[in-house]
Amino acid sequence: MFNTGDSEPSTTEMNDPESVRQMGKIPFTNLNATETTDNAIVFNSFDDIKAQLKSGELQQDDVVVYQGAYFKIDQAAAGPIGKVNLIKA
């Protein structure tokens, strides 16, 4: 597990994704390794994933493909706003 954010995340421990997006920030997000699926969204850039997390285009339980691996979005846990963890199997 590692933090892929470019800057130091804030220390806020609350994570209401919609409220965080309204502040113009990325909700705390874990991208958990998952099984392959036909409805995954393919990304070539981690910056594009972060942009869609910030805009709300990607939300809880969506599945993305990044660097050939499948990840399920989990925004249910509390954590620092702006932090995105890529958790590989």
PDB file of N, CA and C in Angstrom:
ATOM      1  N   MET A   1       0.855  -1.177   0.000  1.00  0.00           N
ATOM      2  CA  MET A   1       0.000   0.000   0.000  1.00  0.00           C
ATOM      3  C   MET A   1       0.895   1.233   0.000  1.00  0.00           C
ATOM      4  N   PHE A   2       0.541   2.222  -0.806  1.00  0.00           N
ATOM      5  CA  PHE A   2       1.311   3.458  -0.814  1.00  0.00           C
ATOM      6  C   PHE A   2       0.428   4.617  -1.199  1.00  0.00           C
ATOM      7  N   ASN A   3       0.818   5.787  -0.754  1.00  0.00           N
ATOM      8  CA  ASN A   3       0.076   7.004  -1.066  1.00  0.00           C
ATOM      9  C   ASN A   3       0.597   7.544  -2.384  1.00  0.00           C
ATOM     10  N   THR A   4      -0.303   7.730  -3.339  1.00  0.00           N
ATOM     11  CA  THR A   4       0.113   8.219  -4.647  1.00  0.00           C
ATOM     12  C   THR A   4      -0.135   9.711  -4.803  1.00  0.00           C
ATOM     13  N   GLY A   5      -0.500  10.389  -3.715  1.00  0.00           N
ATOM     14  CA  GLY A   5      -0.737  11.830  -3.783  1.00  0.00           C
ATOM     15  C   GLY A   5       0.547  12.592  -4.016  1.00  0.00           C
ATOM     16  N   ASP A   6       0.447  13.735  -4.663  1.00  0.00           N
ATOM     17  CA  ASP A   6       1.618  14.538  -4.966  1.00  0.00           C
ATOM     18  C   ASP A   6       2.031  15.430  -3.805  1.00  0.00           C
ATOM     19  N   SER A   7       1.097  15.707  -2.909  1.00  0.00           N
ATOM     20  CA  SER A   7       1.408  16.598  -1.798  1.00  0.00           C
ATOM     21  C   SER A   7       0.960  15.953  -0.494  1.00  0.00           C
ATOM     22  N   GLU A   8       1.378  16.537   0.586  1.00  0.00           N
ATOM     23  CA  GLU A   8       1.020  16.038   1.907  1.00  0.00           C
ATOM     24  C   GLU A   8      -0.492  16.160   2.117  1.00  0.00           C
ATOM     25  N   PRO A   9      -1.168  15.045   2.463  1.00  0.00           N
ATOM     26  CA  PRO A   9      -2.622  15.118   2.659  1.00  0.00           C
ATOM     27  C   PRO A   9      -2.974  15.915   3.910  1.00  0.00           C
ATOM     28  N   SER A  10      -4.195  16.397   3.944  1.00  0.00           N
ATOM     29  CA  SER A  10      -4.645  17.118   5.131  1.00  0.00           C
ATOM     30  C   SER A  10      -4.854  16.124   6.260  1.00  0.00           C
ATOM     31  N   THR A  11      -5.084  16.609   7.462  1.00  0.00           N
ATOM     32  CA  THR A  11      -5.247  15.730   8.606  1.00  0.00           C
ATOM     33  C   THR A  11      -6.706  15.457   8.929  1.00  0.00           C
ATOM     34  N   THR A  12      -7.622  15.936   8.114  1.00  0.00           N
ATOM     35  CA  THR A  12      -9.046  15.716   8.356  1.00  0.00           C
ATOM     36  C   THR A  12      -9.354  14.233   8.314  1.00  0.00           C
ATOM     37  N   GLU A  13     -10.050  13.733   9.330  1.00  0.00           N
ATOM     38  CA  GLU A  13     -10.346  12.311   9.416  1.00  0.00           C
ATOM     39  C   GLU A  13     -11.753  11.977   8.949  1.00  0.00           C
ATOM     40  N   MET A  14     -12.602  12.971   8.701  1.00  0.00           N
ATOM     41  CA  MET A  14     -13.952  12.737   8.223  1.00  0.00           C
ATOM     42  C   MET A  14     -13.908  12.483   6.718  1.00  0.00           C
ATOM     43  N   ASN A  15     -14.796  11.620   6.233  1.00  0.00           N
ATOM     44  CA  ASN A  15     -14.805  11.370   4.801  1.00  0.00           C
ATOM     45  C   ASN A  15     -16.230  11.215   4.291  1.00  0.00           C
ATOM     46  N   ASP A  16     -16.906  12.326   4.105  1.00  0.00           N
ATOM     47  CA  ASP A  16     -18.184  12.334   3.412  1.00  0.00           C
ATOM     48  C   ASP A  16     -17.836  12.748   1.986  1.00  0.00           C
ATOM     49  N   PRO A  17     -17.748  11.769   1.057  1.00  0.00           N
ATOM     50  CA  PRO A  17     -17.247  12.088  -0.282  1.00  0.00           C
ATOM     51  C   PRO A  17     -17.928  13.282  -0.953  1.00  0.00           C
ATOM     52  N   GLU A  18     -19.226  13.389  -0.842  1.00  0.00           N
ATOM     53  CA  GLU A  18     -19.919  14.496  -1.511  1.00  0.00           C
ATOM     54  C   GLU A  18     -19.515  15.849  -0.912  1.00  0.00           C
ATOM     55  N   SER A  19     -19.428  15.922   0.405  1.00  0.00           N
ATOM     56  CA  SER A  19     -19.006  17.170   1.057  1.00  0.00           C
ATOM     57  C   SER A  19     -17.576  17.536   0.677  1.00  0.00           C
ATOM     58  N   VAL A  20     -16.720  16.533   0.611  1.00  0.00           N
ATOM     59  CA  VAL A  20     -15.323  16.778   0.245  1.00  0.00           C
ATOM     60  C   VAL A  20     -15.241  17.305  -1.188  1.00  0.00           C
ATOM     61  N   ARG A  21     -16.014  16.718  -2.090  1.00  0.00           N
ATOM     62  CA  ARG A  21     -16.022  17.197  -3.480  1.00  0.00           C
ATOM     63  C   ARG A  21     -16.526  18.634  -3.562  1.00  0.00           C
ATOM     64  N   GLN A  22     -17.523  18.972  -2.753  1.00  0.00           N
ATOM     65  CA  GLN A  22     -18.049  20.336  -2.753  1.00  0.00           C
ATOM     66  C   GLN A  22     -16.988  21.340  -2.303  1.00  0.00           C
ATOM     67  N   MET A  23     -16.023  20.874  -1.507  1.00  0.00           N
ATOM     68  CA  MET A  23     -14.904  21.726  -1.097  1.00  0.00           C
ATOM     69  C   MET A  23     -13.835  21.810  -2.190  1.00  0.00           C
ATOM     70  N   GLY A  24     -14.032  21.044  -3.285  1.00  0.00           N
ATOM     71  CA  GLY A  24     -13.074  21.054  -4.381  1.00  0.00           C
ATOM     72  C   GLY A  24     -11.881  20.151  -4.159  1.00  0.00           C
ATOM     73  N   LYS A  25     -12.057  19.132  -3.340  1.00  0.00           N
ATOM     74  CA  LYS A  25     -10.948  18.237  -3.007  1.00  0.00           C
ATOM     75  C   LYS A  25     -11.304  16.793  -3.360  1.00  0.00           C
ATOM     76  N   ILE A  26     -10.309  15.913  -3.260  1.00  0.00           N
ATOM     77  CA  ILE A  26     -10.494  14.486  -3.520  1.00  0.00           C
ATOM     78  C   ILE A  26     -10.826  13.800  -2.193  1.00  0.00           C
ATOM     79  N   PRO A  27     -11.930  13.040  -2.124  1.00  0.00           N
ATOM     80  CA  PRO A  27     -12.242  12.299  -0.900  1.00  0.00           C
ATOM     81  C   PRO A  27     -11.175  11.236  -0.624  1.00  0.00           C
ATOM     82  N   PHE A  28     -10.964  10.918   0.649  1.00  0.00           N
ATOM     83  CA  PHE A  28     -10.071   9.817   1.002  1.00  0.00           C
ATOM     84  C   PHE A  28     -10.551   8.572   0.268  1.00  0.00           C
ATOM     85  N   THR A  29      -9.646   7.915  -0.445  1.00  0.00           N
ATOM     86  CA  THR A  29     -10.031   6.795  -1.293  1.00  0.00           C
ATOM     87  C   THR A  29      -8.989   5.692  -1.229  1.00  0.00           C
ATOM     88  N   ASN A  30      -9.476   4.457  -1.077  1.00  0.00           N
ATOM     89  CA  ASN A  30      -8.648   3.276  -1.274  1.00  0.00           C
ATOM     90  C   ASN A  30      -9.046   2.660  -2.596  1.00  0.00           C
ATOM     91  N   LEU A  31      -8.075   2.328  -3.413  1.00  0.00           N
ATOM     92  CA  LEU A  31      -8.310   1.564  -4.630  1.00  0.00           C
ATOM     93  C   LEU A  31      -7.824   0.154  -4.339  1.00  0.00           C
ATOM     94  N   ASN A  32      -8.772  -0.740  -4.078  1.00  0.00           N
ATOM     95  CA  ASN A  32      -8.455  -2.103  -3.656  1.00  0.00           C
ATOM     96  C   ASN A  32      -8.417  -3.044  -4.846  1.00  0.00           C
ATOM     97  N   ALA A  33      -7.357  -3.855  -4.929  1.00  0.00           N
ATOM     98  CA  ALA A  33      -7.252  -4.850  -5.995  1.00  0.00           C
ATOM     99  C   ALA A  33      -8.505  -5.721  -5.977  1.00  0.00           C
ATOM    100  N   THR A  34      -9.012  -6.051  -7.171  1.00  0.00           N
ATOM    101  CA  THR A  34     -10.234  -6.829  -7.278  1.00  0.00           C
ATOM    102  C   THR A  34     -10.182  -7.730  -8.494  1.00  0.00           C
ATOM    103  N   GLU A  35     -11.211  -8.529  -8.658  1.00  0.00           N
ATOM    104  CA  GLU A  35     -11.334  -9.441  -9.793  1.00  0.00           C
ATOM    105  C   GLU A  35     -11.588  -8.650 -11.077  1.00  0.00           C
ATOM    106  N   THR A  36     -11.278  -9.251 -12.203  1.00  0.00           N
ATOM    107  CA  THR A  36     -11.577  -8.622 -13.482  1.00  0.00           C
ATOM    108  C   THR A  36     -13.084  -8.562 -13.691  1.00  0.00           C
ATOM    109  N   THR A  37     -13.516  -7.565 -14.423  1.00  0.00           N
ATOM    110  CA  THR A  37     -14.929  -7.379 -14.719  1.00  0.00           C
ATOM    111  C   THR A  37     -15.070  -6.695 -16.069  1.00  0.00           C
ATOM    112  N   ASP A  38     -16.205  -6.887 -16.706  1.00  0.00           N
ATOM    113  CA  ASP A  38     -16.437  -6.293 -18.025  1.00  0.00           C
ATOM    114  C   ASP A  38     -16.782  -4.808 -17.976  1.00  0.00           C
ATOM    115  N   ASN A  39     -17.234  -4.321 -16.816  1.00  0.00           N
ATOM    116  CA  ASN A  39     -17.689  -2.925 -16.751  1.00  0.00           C
ATOM    117  C   ASN A  39     -16.660  -1.978 -16.130  1.00  0.00           C
ATOM    118  N   ALA A  40     -15.388  -2.363 -16.134  1.00  0.00           N
ATOM    119  CA  ALA A  40     -14.331  -1.508 -15.574  1.00  0.00           C
ATOM    120  C   ALA A  40     -13.987  -0.383 -16.542  1.00  0.00           C
ATOM    121  N   ILE A  41     -13.566   0.732 -15.973  1.00  0.00           N
ATOM    122  CA  ILE A  41     -13.153   1.906 -16.749  1.00  0.00           C
ATOM    123  C   ILE A  41     -11.627   1.912 -16.816  1.00  0.00           C
ATOM    124  N   VAL A  42     -11.081   1.966 -18.010  1.00  0.00           N
ATOM    125  CA  VAL A  42      -9.635   1.880 -18.208  1.00  0.00           C
ATOM    126  C   VAL A  42      -9.005   3.274 -18.134  1.00  0.00           C
ATOM    127  N   PHE A  43      -7.920   3.376 -17.359  1.00  0.00           N
ATOM    128  CA  PHE A  43      -7.173   4.627 -17.220  1.00  0.00           C
ATOM    129  C   PHE A  43      -5.697   4.378 -17.526  1.00  0.00           C
ATOM    130  N   ASN A  44      -5.077   5.310 -18.226  1.00  0.00           N
ATOM    131  CA  ASN A  44      -3.643   5.256 -18.491  1.00  0.00           C
ATOM    132  C   ASN A  44      -2.870   6.181 -17.567  1.00  0.00           C
ATOM    133  N   SER A  45      -3.569   7.098 -16.920  1.00  0.00           N
ATOM    134  CA  SER A  45      -2.928   8.104 -16.075  1.00  0.00           C
ATOM    135  C   SER A  45      -3.584   8.122 -14.691  1.00  0.00           C
ATOM    136  N   PHE A  46      -2.747   8.087 -13.649  1.00  0.00           N
ATOM    137  CA  PHE A  46      -3.289   8.169 -12.295  1.00  0.00           C
ATOM    138  C   PHE A  46      -3.881   9.555 -12.042  1.00  0.00           C
ATOM    139  N   ASP A  47      -3.356  10.570 -12.700  1.00  0.00           N
ATOM    140  CA  ASP A  47      -3.914  11.917 -12.573  1.00  0.00           C
ATOM    141  C   ASP A  47      -5.352  11.963 -13.076  1.00  0.00           C
ATOM    142  N   ASP A  48      -5.652  11.192 -14.131  1.00  0.00           N
ATOM    143  CA  ASP A  48      -7.028  11.136 -14.636  1.00  0.00           C
ATOM    144  C   ASP A  48      -7.959  10.478 -13.621  1.00  0.00           C
ATOM    145  N   ILE A  49      -7.482   9.446 -12.951  1.00  0.00           N
ATOM    146  CA  ILE A  49      -8.288   8.802 -11.897  1.00  0.00           C
ATOM    147  C   ILE A  49      -8.578   9.812 -10.796  1.00  0.00           C
ATOM    148  N   LYS A  50      -7.547  10.520 -10.336  1.00  0.00           N
ATOM    149  CA  LYS A  50      -7.735  11.504  -9.270  1.00  0.00           C
ATOM    150  C   LYS A  50      -8.697  12.607  -9.692  1.00  0.00           C
ATOM    151  N   ALA A  51      -8.614  13.046 -10.940  1.00  0.00           N
ATOM    152  CA  ALA A  51      -9.516  14.097 -11.428  1.00  0.00           C
ATOM    153  C   ALA A  51     -10.970  13.618 -11.399  1.00  0.00           C
ATOM    154  N   GLN A  52     -11.205  12.361 -11.761  1.00  0.00           N
ATOM    155  CA  GLN A  52     -12.574  11.850 -11.763  1.00  0.00           C
ATOM    156  C   GLN A  52     -13.065  11.534 -10.353  1.00  0.00           C
ATOM    157  N   LEU A  53     -12.169  11.221  -9.430  1.00  0.00           N
ATOM    158  CA  LEU A  53     -12.568  11.078  -8.026  1.00  0.00           C
ATOM    159  C   LEU A  53     -12.989  12.444  -7.475  1.00  0.00           C
ATOM    160  N   LYS A  54     -12.245  13.465  -7.847  1.00  0.00           N
ATOM    161  CA  LYS A  54     -12.533  14.830  -7.390  1.00  0.00           C
ATOM    162  C   LYS A  54     -13.857  15.339  -7.951  1.00  0.00           C
ATOM    163  N   SER A  55     -14.132  15.040  -9.221  1.00  0.00           N
ATOM    164  CA  SER A  55     -15.358  15.541  -9.862  1.00  0.00           C
ATOM    165  C   SER A  55     -16.589  14.710  -9.496  1.00  0.00           C
ATOM    166  N   GLY A  56     -16.370  13.499  -8.994  1.00  0.00           N
ATOM    167  CA  GLY A  56     -17.496  12.631  -8.657  1.00  0.00           C
ATOM    168  C   GLY A  56     -17.882  11.678  -9.771  1.00  0.00           C
ATOM    169  N   GLU A  57     -17.169  11.725 -10.895  1.00  0.00           N
ATOM    170  CA  GLU A  57     -17.442  10.772 -11.978  1.00  0.00           C
ATOM    171  C   GLU A  57     -17.149   9.344 -11.524  1.00  0.00           C
ATOM    172  N   LEU A  58     -16.147   9.167 -10.680  1.00  0.00           N
ATOM    173  CA  LEU A  58     -15.853   7.868 -10.068  1.00  0.00           C
ATOM    174  C   LEU A  58     -16.322   7.918  -8.623  1.00  0.00           C
ATOM    175  N   GLN A  59     -17.040   6.873  -8.211  1.00  0.00           N
ATOM    176  CA  GLN A  59     -17.581   6.835  -6.860  1.00  0.00           C
ATOM    177  C   GLN A  59     -17.467   5.433  -6.271  1.00  0.00           C
ATOM    178  N   GLN A  60     -17.945   5.295  -5.057  1.00  0.00           N
ATOM    179  CA  GLN A  60     -17.909   4.038  -4.306  1.00  0.00           C
ATOM    180  C   GLN A  60     -18.315   2.860  -5.189  1.00  0.00           C
ATOM    181  N   ASP A  61     -17.495   1.800  -5.146  1.00  0.00           N
ATOM    182  CA  ASP A  61     -17.725   0.511  -5.812  1.00  0.00           C
ATOM    183  C   ASP A  61     -17.530   0.515  -7.323  1.00  0.00           C
ATOM    184  N   ASP A  62     -17.163   1.660  -7.928  1.00  0.00           N
ATOM    185  CA  ASP A  62     -16.783   1.631  -9.338  1.00  0.00           C
ATOM    186  C   ASP A  62     -15.492   0.827  -9.459  1.00  0.00           C
ATOM    187  N   VAL A  63     -15.269   0.219 -10.620  1.00  0.00           N
ATOM    188  CA  VAL A  63     -14.053  -0.554 -10.863  1.00  0.00           C
ATOM    189  C   VAL A  63     -13.275   0.114 -11.984  1.00  0.00           C
ATOM    190  N   VAL A  64     -11.969   0.271 -11.752  1.00  0.00           N
ATOM    191  CA  VAL A  64     -11.090   0.867 -12.748  1.00  0.00           C
ATOM    192  C   VAL A  64      -9.956  -0.104 -13.077  1.00  0.00           C
ATOM    193  N   VAL A  65      -9.408   0.063 -14.271  1.00  0.00           N
ATOM    194  CA  VAL A  65      -8.218  -0.687 -14.678  1.00  0.00           C
ATOM    195  C   VAL A  65      -7.091   0.327 -14.787  1.00  0.00           C
ATOM    196  N   TYR A  66      -6.002   0.065 -14.069  1.00  0.00           N
ATOM    197  CA  TYR A  66      -4.842   0.945 -14.105  1.00  0.00           C
ATOM    198  C   TYR A  66      -3.597   0.066 -14.117  1.00  0.00           C
ATOM    199  N   GLN A  67      -2.718   0.296 -15.054  1.00  0.00           N
ATOM    200  CA  GLN A  67      -1.491  -0.482 -15.242  1.00  0.00           C
ATOM    201  C   GLN A  67      -1.802  -1.978 -15.331  1.00  0.00           C
ATOM    202  N   GLY A  68      -2.894  -2.315 -16.011  1.00  0.00           N
ATOM    203  CA  GLY A  68      -3.261  -3.707 -16.251  1.00  0.00           C
ATOM    204  C   GLY A  68      -3.907  -4.423 -15.083  1.00  0.00           C
ATOM    205  N   ALA A  69      -4.107  -3.730 -13.962  1.00  0.00           N
ATOM    206  CA  ALA A  69      -4.727  -4.344 -12.776  1.00  0.00           C
ATOM    207  C   ALA A  69      -6.087  -3.702 -12.514  1.00  0.00           C
ATOM    208  N   TYR A  70      -6.990  -4.475 -11.926  1.00  0.00           N
ATOM    209  CA  TYR A  70      -8.339  -4.010 -11.617  1.00  0.00           C
ATOM    210  C   TYR A  70      -8.413  -3.560 -10.162  1.00  0.00           C
ATOM    211  N   PHE A  71      -9.060  -2.411  -9.939  1.00  0.00           N
ATOM    212  CA  PHE A  71      -9.192  -1.854  -8.597  1.00  0.00           C
ATOM    213  C   PHE A  71     -10.626  -1.388  -8.372  1.00  0.00           C
ATOM    214  N   LYS A  72     -11.136  -1.677  -7.171  1.00  0.00           N
ATOM    215  CA  LYS A  72     -12.476  -1.232  -6.782  1.00  0.00           C
ATOM    216  C   LYS A  72     -12.338  -0.020  -5.868  1.00  0.00           C
ATOM    217  N   ILE A  73     -13.121   1.006  -6.131  1.00  0.00           N
ATOM    218  CA  ILE A  73     -13.072   2.243  -5.362  1.00  0.00           C
ATOM    219  C   ILE A  73     -13.789   2.052  -4.028  1.00  0.00           C
ATOM    220  N   ASP A  74     -13.093   2.415  -2.947  1.00  0.00           N
ATOM    221  CA  ASP A  74     -13.670   2.344  -1.605  1.00  0.00           C
ATOM    222  C   ASP A  74     -13.477   3.690  -0.930  1.00  0.00           C
ATOM    223  N   GLN A  75     -14.585   4.406  -0.733  1.00  0.00           N
ATOM    224  CA  GLN A  75     -14.545   5.694  -0.048  1.00  0.00           C
ATOM    225  C   GLN A  75     -15.330   5.632   1.253  1.00  0.00           C
ATOM    226  N   ALA A  76     -15.523   4.434   1.796  1.00  0.00           N
ATOM    227  CA  ALA A  76     -16.326   4.255   3.002  1.00  0.00           C
ATOM    228  C   ALA A  76     -15.546   4.532   4.283  1.00  0.00           C
ATOM    229  N   ALA A  77     -14.236   4.387   4.250  1.00  0.00           N
ATOM    230  CA  ALA A  77     -13.429   4.573   5.456  1.00  0.00           C
ATOM    231  C   ALA A  77     -13.091   6.049   5.655  1.00  0.00           C
ATOM    232  N   ALA A  78     -12.856   6.418   6.899  1.00  0.00           N
ATOM    233  CA  ALA A  78     -12.406   7.778   7.209  1.00  0.00           C
ATOM    234  C   ALA A  78     -10.901   7.860   7.005  1.00  0.00           C
ATOM    235  N   GLY A  79     -10.451   8.992   6.536  1.00  0.00           N
ATOM    236  CA  GLY A  79      -9.023   9.194   6.338  1.00  0.00           C
ATOM    237  C   GLY A  79      -8.752  10.603   5.849  1.00  0.00           C
ATOM    238  N   PRO A  80      -7.493  10.924   5.655  1.00  0.00           N
ATOM    239  CA  PRO A  80      -7.115  12.278   5.257  1.00  0.00           C
ATOM    240  C   PRO A  80      -7.650  12.652   3.877  1.00  0.00           C
ATOM    241  N   ILE A  81      -8.276  13.793   3.799  1.00  0.00           N
ATOM    242  CA  ILE A  81      -8.763  14.300   2.519  1.00  0.00           C
ATOM    243  C   ILE A  81      -7.594  14.457   1.563  1.00  0.00           C
ATOM    244  N   GLY A  82      -7.793  14.019   0.326  1.00  0.00           N
ATOM    245  CA  GLY A  82      -6.763  14.138  -0.693  1.00  0.00           C
ATOM    246  C   GLY A  82      -5.878  12.924  -0.840  1.00  0.00           C
ATOM    247  N   LYS A  83      -5.963  11.979   0.096  1.00  0.00           N
ATOM    248  CA  LYS A  83      -5.108  10.797   0.038  1.00  0.00           C
ATOM    249  C   LYS A  83      -5.793   9.705  -0.773  1.00  0.00           C
ATOM    250  N   VAL A  84      -5.066   9.142  -1.731  1.00  0.00           N
ATOM    251  CA  VAL A  84      -5.547   8.034  -2.552  1.00  0.00           C
ATOM    252  C   VAL A  84      -4.542   6.909  -2.431  1.00  0.00           C
ATOM    253  N   ASN A  85      -4.978   5.778  -1.881  1.00  0.00           N
ATOM    254  CA  ASN A  85      -4.112   4.619  -1.698  1.00  0.00           C
ATOM    255  C   ASN A  85      -4.392   3.601  -2.787  1.00  0.00           C
ATOM    256  N   LEU A  86      -3.368   3.134  -3.443  1.00  0.00           N
ATOM    257  CA  LEU A  86      -3.470   2.073  -4.423  1.00  0.00           C
ATOM    258  C   LEU A  86      -3.012   0.795  -3.721  1.00  0.00           C
ATOM    259  N   ILE A  87      -3.947  -0.120  -3.482  1.00  0.00           N
ATOM    260  CA  ILE A  87      -3.664  -1.315  -2.693  1.00  0.00           C
ATOM    261  C   ILE A  87      -3.645  -2.510  -3.630  1.00  0.00           C
ATOM    262  N   LYS A  88      -2.446  -2.990  -3.921  1.00  0.00           N
ATOM    263  CA  LYS A  88      -2.274  -4.104  -4.840  1.00  0.00           C
ATOM    264  C   LYS A  88      -2.376  -5.427  -4.084  1.00  0.00           C
ATOM    265  N   ALA A  89      -2.774  -6.458  -4.823  1.00  0.00           N
ATOM    266  CA  ALA A  89      -2.913  -7.791  -4.215  1.00  0.00           C
ATOM    267  C   ALA A  89      -1.559  -8.403  -3.959  1.00  0.00           C
TER     268      ALA A  89
END
